[in-house]
């Protein structure tokens, strides 16, 4: 949304300030399809740590009104 895309509070030093969905993963890649303008965030698949059955990744929707 335009409000969050221009907000300095949410976007300072972020690699993809206009993306609606963000991920806290250090290797997150933000992509946009040139034909459809569809945005995506891609993160690598990781193995769980020893003794665990899953991996947790935090995603954030920047505007729930969209």
PDB file of N, CA and C in Angstrom:
ATOM      1  N   UNK A   1       0.844  -1.177   0.000  1.00  0.00           N
ATOM      2  CA  UNK A   1       0.000   0.000   0.000  1.00  0.00           C
ATOM      3  C   UNK A   1       0.891   1.242   0.000  1.00  0.00           C
ATOM      4  N   UNK A   2       0.430   2.320  -0.546  1.00  0.00           N
ATOM      5  CA  UNK A   2       1.249   3.536  -0.628  1.00  0.00           C
ATOM      6  C   UNK A   2       1.689   4.071   0.732  1.00  0.00           C
ATOM      7  N   UNK A   3       0.847   3.911   1.749  1.00  0.00           N
ATOM      8  CA  UNK A   3       1.212   4.418   3.078  1.00  0.00           C
ATOM      9  C   UNK A   3       2.446   3.719   3.633  1.00  0.00           C
ATOM     10  N   UNK A   4       2.487   2.408   3.526  1.00  0.00           N
ATOM     11  CA  UNK A   4       3.616   1.664   4.065  1.00  0.00           C
ATOM     12  C   UNK A   4       4.831   1.699   3.141  1.00  0.00           C
ATOM     13  N   UNK A   5       4.611   1.836   1.864  1.00  0.00           N
ATOM     14  CA  UNK A   5       5.730   1.885   0.921  1.00  0.00           C
ATOM     15  C   UNK A   5       6.544   3.159   1.089  1.00  0.00           C
ATOM     16  N   UNK A   6       5.916   4.217   1.574  1.00  0.00           N
ATOM     17  CA  UNK A   6       6.625   5.486   1.736  1.00  0.00           C
ATOM     18  C   UNK A   6       7.020   5.761   3.182  1.00  0.00           C
ATOM     19  N   UNK A   7       6.624   4.893   4.097  1.00  0.00           N
ATOM     20  CA  UNK A   7       6.923   5.093   5.512  1.00  0.00           C
ATOM     21  C   UNK A   7       8.390   4.810   5.804  1.00  0.00           C
ATOM     22  N   UNK A   8       9.088   5.806   6.292  1.00  0.00           N
ATOM     23  CA  UNK A   8      10.504   5.640   6.620  1.00  0.00           C
ATOM     24  C   UNK A   8      10.682   4.658   7.782  1.00  0.00           C
ATOM     25  N   UNK A   9       9.741   4.653   8.693  1.00  0.00           N
ATOM     26  CA  UNK A   9       9.801   3.778   9.871  1.00  0.00           C
ATOM     27  C   UNK A   9       9.876   2.301   9.480  1.00  0.00           C
ATOM     28  N   UNK A  10       9.124   1.894   8.467  1.00  0.00           N
ATOM     29  CA  UNK A  10       9.075   0.489   8.055  1.00  0.00           C
ATOM     30  C   UNK A  10      10.092   0.122   6.990  1.00  0.00           C
ATOM     31  N   UNK A  11      10.650   1.093   6.311  1.00  0.00           N
ATOM     32  CA  UNK A  11      11.437   0.799   5.117  1.00  0.00           C
ATOM     33  C   UNK A  11      12.903   1.180   5.175  1.00  0.00           C
ATOM     34  N   UNK A  12      13.328   1.842   6.210  1.00  0.00           N
ATOM     35  CA  UNK A  12      14.714   2.280   6.274  1.00  0.00           C
ATOM     36  C   UNK A  12      15.658   1.077   6.236  1.00  0.00           C
ATOM     37  N   UNK A  13      16.543   1.066   5.279  1.00  0.00           N
ATOM     38  CA  UNK A  13      17.536   0.002   5.081  1.00  0.00           C
ATOM     39  C   UNK A  13      16.935  -1.348   4.706  1.00  0.00           C
ATOM     40  N   UNK A  14      15.695  -1.386   4.257  1.00  0.00           N
ATOM     41  CA  UNK A  14      15.106  -2.658   3.828  1.00  0.00           C
ATOM     42  C   UNK A  14      15.366  -2.844   2.338  1.00  0.00           C
ATOM     43  N   UNK A  15      15.752  -4.069   1.918  1.00  0.00           N
ATOM     44  CA  UNK A  15      16.087  -4.293   0.508  1.00  0.00           C
ATOM     45  C   UNK A  15      14.899  -4.218  -0.452  1.00  0.00           C
ATOM     46  N   UNK A  16      13.679  -4.353   0.057  1.00  0.00           N
ATOM     47  CA  UNK A  16      12.495  -4.316  -0.813  1.00  0.00           C
ATOM     48  C   UNK A  16      11.382  -3.520  -0.140  1.00  0.00           C
ATOM     49  N   UNK A  17      11.507  -2.210  -0.091  1.00  0.00           N
ATOM     50  CA  UNK A  17      10.542  -1.399   0.655  1.00  0.00           C
ATOM     51  C   UNK A  17       9.116  -1.430   0.118  1.00  0.00           C
ATOM     52  N   UNK A  18       8.908  -1.812  -1.134  1.00  0.00           N
ATOM     53  CA  UNK A  18       7.558  -1.824  -1.707  1.00  0.00           C
ATOM     54  C   UNK A  18       6.872  -3.181  -1.615  1.00  0.00           C
ATOM     55  N   UNK A  19       7.552  -4.189  -1.094  1.00  0.00           N
ATOM     56  CA  UNK A  19       6.953  -5.521  -1.018  1.00  0.00           C
ATOM     57  C   UNK A  19       5.950  -5.612   0.121  1.00  0.00           C
ATOM     58  N   UNK A  20       4.827  -6.260  -0.154  1.00  0.00           N
ATOM     59  CA  UNK A  20       3.766  -6.426   0.828  1.00  0.00           C
ATOM     60  C   UNK A  20       4.128  -7.482   1.872  1.00  0.00           C
ATOM     61  N   UNK A  21       4.800  -8.553   1.454  1.00  0.00           N
ATOM     62  CA  UNK A  21       5.194  -9.634   2.361  1.00  0.00           C
ATOM     63  C   UNK A  21       6.703  -9.584   2.552  1.00  0.00           C
ATOM     64  N   UNK A  22       7.123  -9.663   3.796  1.00  0.00           N
ATOM     65  CA  UNK A  22       8.550  -9.650   4.111  1.00  0.00           C
ATOM     66  C   UNK A  22       8.889 -10.838   4.993  1.00  0.00           C
ATOM     67  N   UNK A  23      10.159 -11.214   4.966  1.00  0.00           N
ATOM     68  CA  UNK A  23      10.628 -12.325   5.772  1.00  0.00           C
ATOM     69  C   UNK A  23      11.882 -11.895   6.524  1.00  0.00           C
ATOM     70  N   UNK A  24      12.007 -12.362   7.753  1.00  0.00           N
ATOM     71  CA  UNK A  24      13.150 -12.003   8.592  1.00  0.00           C
ATOM     72  C   UNK A  24      14.403 -12.821   8.267  1.00  0.00           C
ATOM     73  N   UNK A  25      14.307 -13.759   7.342  1.00  0.00           N
ATOM     74  CA  UNK A  25      15.447 -14.620   7.010  1.00  0.00           C
ATOM     75  C   UNK A  25      16.568 -13.795   6.387  1.00  0.00           C
ATOM     76  N   UNK A  26      17.796 -14.044   6.811  1.00  0.00           N
ATOM     77  CA  UNK A  26      18.938 -13.255   6.329  1.00  0.00           C
ATOM     78  C   UNK A  26      19.224 -13.452   4.842  1.00  0.00           C
ATOM     79  N   UNK A  27      18.758 -14.558   4.269  1.00  0.00           N
ATOM     80  CA  UNK A  27      18.995 -14.825   2.843  1.00  0.00           C
ATOM     81  C   UNK A  27      17.744 -14.618   1.991  1.00  0.00           C
ATOM     82  N   UNK A  28      16.753 -13.921   2.515  1.00  0.00           N
ATOM     83  CA  UNK A  28      15.515 -13.690   1.764  1.00  0.00           C
ATOM     84  C   UNK A  28      15.821 -12.911   0.486  1.00  0.00           C
ATOM     85  N   UNK A  29      15.204 -13.356  -0.612  1.00  0.00           N
ATOM     86  CA  UNK A  29      15.340 -12.665  -1.896  1.00  0.00           C
ATOM     87  C   UNK A  29      13.958 -12.181  -2.309  1.00  0.00           C
ATOM     88  N   UNK A  30      13.889 -10.933  -2.689  1.00  0.00           N
ATOM     89  CA  UNK A  30      12.622 -10.323  -3.086  1.00  0.00           C
ATOM     90  C   UNK A  30      12.599 -10.195  -4.601  1.00  0.00           C
ATOM     91  N   UNK A  31      11.562 -10.760  -5.203  1.00  0.00           N
ATOM     92  CA  UNK A  31      11.452 -10.797  -6.655  1.00  0.00           C
ATOM     93  C   UNK A  31      10.156 -10.143  -7.104  1.00  0.00           C
ATOM     94  N   UNK A  32      10.166  -9.659  -8.340  1.00  0.00           N
ATOM     95  CA  UNK A  32       8.947  -9.112  -8.932  1.00  0.00           C
ATOM     96  C   UNK A  32       8.902  -9.513 -10.399  1.00  0.00           C
ATOM     97  N   UNK A  33       7.780 -10.104 -10.805  1.00  0.00           N
ATOM     98  CA  UNK A  33       7.594 -10.515 -12.190  1.00  0.00           C
ATOM     99  C   UNK A  33       7.403  -9.271 -13.051  1.00  0.00           C
ATOM    100  N   UNK A  34       8.196  -9.150 -14.103  1.00  0.00           N
ATOM    101  CA  UNK A  34       8.150  -7.951 -14.949  1.00  0.00           C
ATOM    102  C   UNK A  34       6.874  -7.855 -15.776  1.00  0.00           C
ATOM    103  N   UNK A  35       6.210  -8.981 -16.019  1.00  0.00           N
ATOM    104  CA  UNK A  35       4.988  -8.966 -16.830  1.00  0.00           C
ATOM    105  C   UNK A  35       3.737  -8.727 -15.995  1.00  0.00           C
ATOM    106  N   UNK A  36       3.667  -9.350 -14.815  1.00  0.00           N
ATOM    107  CA  UNK A  36       2.451  -9.259 -14.003  1.00  0.00           C
ATOM    108  C   UNK A  36       2.592  -8.332 -12.799  1.00  0.00           C
ATOM    109  N   UNK A  37       3.812  -7.927 -12.478  1.00  0.00           N
ATOM    110  CA  UNK A  37       4.134  -7.124 -11.289  1.00  0.00           C
ATOM    111  C   UNK A  37       3.878  -7.884  -9.989  1.00  0.00           C
ATOM    112  N   UNK A  38       3.716  -9.194 -10.097  1.00  0.00           N
ATOM    113  CA  UNK A  38       3.505 -10.016  -8.901  1.00  0.00           C
ATOM    114  C   UNK A  38       4.801 -10.092  -8.105  1.00  0.00           C
ATOM    115  N   UNK A  39       4.686  -9.875  -6.803  1.00  0.00           N
ATOM    116  CA  UNK A  39       5.853  -9.888  -5.932  1.00  0.00           C
ATOM    117  C   UNK A  39       5.946 -11.217  -5.189  1.00  0.00           C
ATOM    118  N   UNK A  40       7.181 -11.628  -4.896  1.00  0.00           N
ATOM    119  CA  UNK A  40       7.384 -12.840  -4.112  1.00  0.00           C
ATOM    120  C   UNK A  40       8.645 -12.695  -3.276  1.00  0.00           C
ATOM    121  N   UNK A  41       8.684 -13.470  -2.213  1.00  0.00           N
ATOM    122  CA  UNK A  41       9.879 -13.547  -1.375  1.00  0.00           C
ATOM    123  C   UNK A  41      10.282 -15.014  -1.328  1.00  0.00           C
ATOM    124  N   UNK A  42      11.561 -15.276  -1.570  1.00  0.00           N
ATOM    125  CA  UNK A  42      12.074 -16.641  -1.638  1.00  0.00           C
ATOM    126  C   UNK A  42      13.135 -16.809  -0.555  1.00  0.00           C
ATOM    127  N   UNK A  43      13.014 -17.903   0.201  1.00  0.00           N
ATOM    128  CA  UNK A  43      14.024 -18.214   1.214  1.00  0.00           C
ATOM    129  C   UNK A  43      14.522 -19.633   0.984  1.00  0.00           C
ATOM    130  N   UNK A  44      15.753 -19.921   1.381  1.00  0.00           N
ATOM    131  CA  UNK A  44      16.276 -21.274   1.174  1.00  0.00           C
ATOM    132  C   UNK A  44      15.632 -22.277   2.130  1.00  0.00           C
ATOM    133  N   UNK A  45      15.524 -23.507   1.656  1.00  0.00           N
ATOM    134  CA  UNK A  45      15.046 -24.599   2.506  1.00  0.00           C
ATOM    135  C   UNK A  45      16.198 -25.006   3.418  1.00  0.00           C
ATOM    136  N   UNK A  46      15.937 -25.100   4.703  1.00  0.00           N
ATOM    137  CA  UNK A  46      16.980 -25.457   5.658  1.00  0.00           C
ATOM    138  C   UNK A  46      16.581 -26.698   6.438  1.00  0.00           C
ATOM    139  N   UNK A  47      17.568 -27.453   6.849  1.00  0.00           N
ATOM    140  CA  UNK A  47      17.334 -28.616   7.694  1.00  0.00           C
ATOM    141  C   UNK A  47      17.135 -28.144   9.138  1.00  0.00           C
ATOM    142  N   UNK A  48      16.223 -28.777   9.880  1.00  0.00           N
ATOM    143  CA  UNK A  48      16.059 -28.420  11.295  1.00  0.00           C
ATOM    144  C   UNK A  48      17.331 -28.723  12.088  1.00  0.00           C
ATOM    145  N   UNK A  49      17.512 -28.006  13.168  1.00  0.00           N
ATOM    146  CA  UNK A  49      18.642 -28.275  14.044  1.00  0.00           C
ATOM    147  C   UNK A  49      18.453 -29.635  14.701  1.00  0.00           C
ATOM    148  N   UNK A  50      19.530 -30.215  15.155  1.00  0.00           N
ATOM    149  CA  UNK A  50      19.477 -31.530  15.798  1.00  0.00           C
ATOM    150  C   UNK A  50      18.472 -31.516  16.949  1.00  0.00           C
ATOM    151  N   UNK A  51      17.601 -32.511  16.967  1.00  0.00           N
ATOM    152  CA  UNK A  51      16.601 -32.626  18.020  1.00  0.00           C
ATOM    153  C   UNK A  51      15.309 -31.890  17.724  1.00  0.00           C
ATOM    154  N   UNK A  52      15.230 -31.222  16.590  1.00  0.00           N
ATOM    155  CA  UNK A  52      14.029 -30.485  16.217  1.00  0.00           C
ATOM    156  C   UNK A  52      13.438 -31.086  14.948  1.00  0.00           C
ATOM    157  N   UNK A  53      12.140 -30.884  14.764  1.00  0.00           N
ATOM    158  CA  UNK A  53      11.469 -31.419  13.581  1.00  0.00           C
ATOM    159  C   UNK A  53      11.078 -30.345  12.582  1.00  0.00           C
ATOM    160  N   UNK A  54      11.289 -29.086  12.905  1.00  0.00           N
ATOM    161  CA  UNK A  54      10.880 -28.012  12.008  1.00  0.00           C
ATOM    162  C   UNK A  54      11.813 -26.816  12.104  1.00  0.00           C
ATOM    163  N   UNK A  55      11.637 -25.911  11.163  1.00  0.00           N
ATOM    164  CA  UNK A  55      12.382 -24.654  11.114  1.00  0.00           C
ATOM    165  C   UNK A  55      11.356 -23.526  11.153  1.00  0.00           C
ATOM    166  N   UNK A  56      11.615 -22.511  11.928  1.00  0.00           N
ATOM    167  CA  UNK A  56      10.699 -21.377  12.027  1.00  0.00           C
ATOM    168  C   UNK A  56      11.241 -20.202  11.220  1.00  0.00           C
ATOM    169  N   UNK A  57      10.386 -19.638  10.369  1.00  0.00           N
ATOM    170  CA  UNK A  57      10.715 -18.425   9.624  1.00  0.00           C
ATOM    171  C   UNK A  57       9.591 -17.428   9.843  1.00  0.00           C
ATOM    172  N   UNK A  58       9.953 -16.203  10.137  1.00  0.00           N
ATOM    173  CA  UNK A  58       8.964 -15.173  10.416  1.00  0.00           C
ATOM    174  C   UNK A  58       8.657 -14.366   9.159  1.00  0.00           C
ATOM    175  N   UNK A  59       7.363 -14.282   8.832  1.00  0.00           N
ATOM    176  CA  UNK A  59       6.893 -13.481   7.708  1.00  0.00           C
ATOM    177  C   UNK A  59       6.018 -12.363   8.246  1.00  0.00           C
ATOM    178  N   UNK A  60       6.016 -11.252   7.538  1.00  0.00           N
ATOM    179  CA  UNK A  60       5.235 -10.101   7.979  1.00  0.00           C
ATOM    180  C   UNK A  60       4.483  -9.512   6.792  1.00  0.00           C
ATOM    181  N   UNK A  61       3.173  -9.315   6.966  1.00  0.00           N
ATOM    182  CA  UNK A  61       2.375  -8.598   5.977  1.00  0.00           C
ATOM    183  C   UNK A  61       2.433  -7.123   6.352  1.00  0.00           C
ATOM    184  N   UNK A  62       2.869  -6.296   5.426  1.00  0.00           N
ATOM    185  CA  UNK A  62       3.085  -4.889   5.734  1.00  0.00           C
ATOM    186  C   UNK A  62       1.808  -4.064   5.758  1.00  0.00           C
ATOM    187  N   UNK A  63       0.738  -4.557   5.159  1.00  0.00           N
ATOM    188  CA  UNK A  63      -0.512  -3.805   5.162  1.00  0.00           C
ATOM    189  C   UNK A  63      -1.671  -4.785   5.128  1.00  0.00           C
ATOM    190  N   UNK A  64      -2.405  -4.871   6.206  1.00  0.00           N
ATOM    191  CA  UNK A  64      -3.529  -5.798   6.258  1.00  0.00           C
ATOM    192  C   UNK A  64      -4.755  -5.250   5.538  1.00  0.00           C
ATOM    193  N   UNK A  65      -4.711  -4.002   5.121  1.00  0.00           N
ATOM    194  CA  UNK A  65      -5.832  -3.405   4.408  1.00  0.00           C
ATOM    195  C   UNK A  65      -5.750  -3.601   2.905  1.00  0.00           C
ATOM    196  N   UNK A  66      -4.694  -4.231   2.423  1.00  0.00           N
ATOM    197  CA  UNK A  66      -4.521  -4.415   0.978  1.00  0.00           C
ATOM    198  C   UNK A  66      -5.366  -5.559   0.468  1.00  0.00           C
TER     199      UNK A  66
END
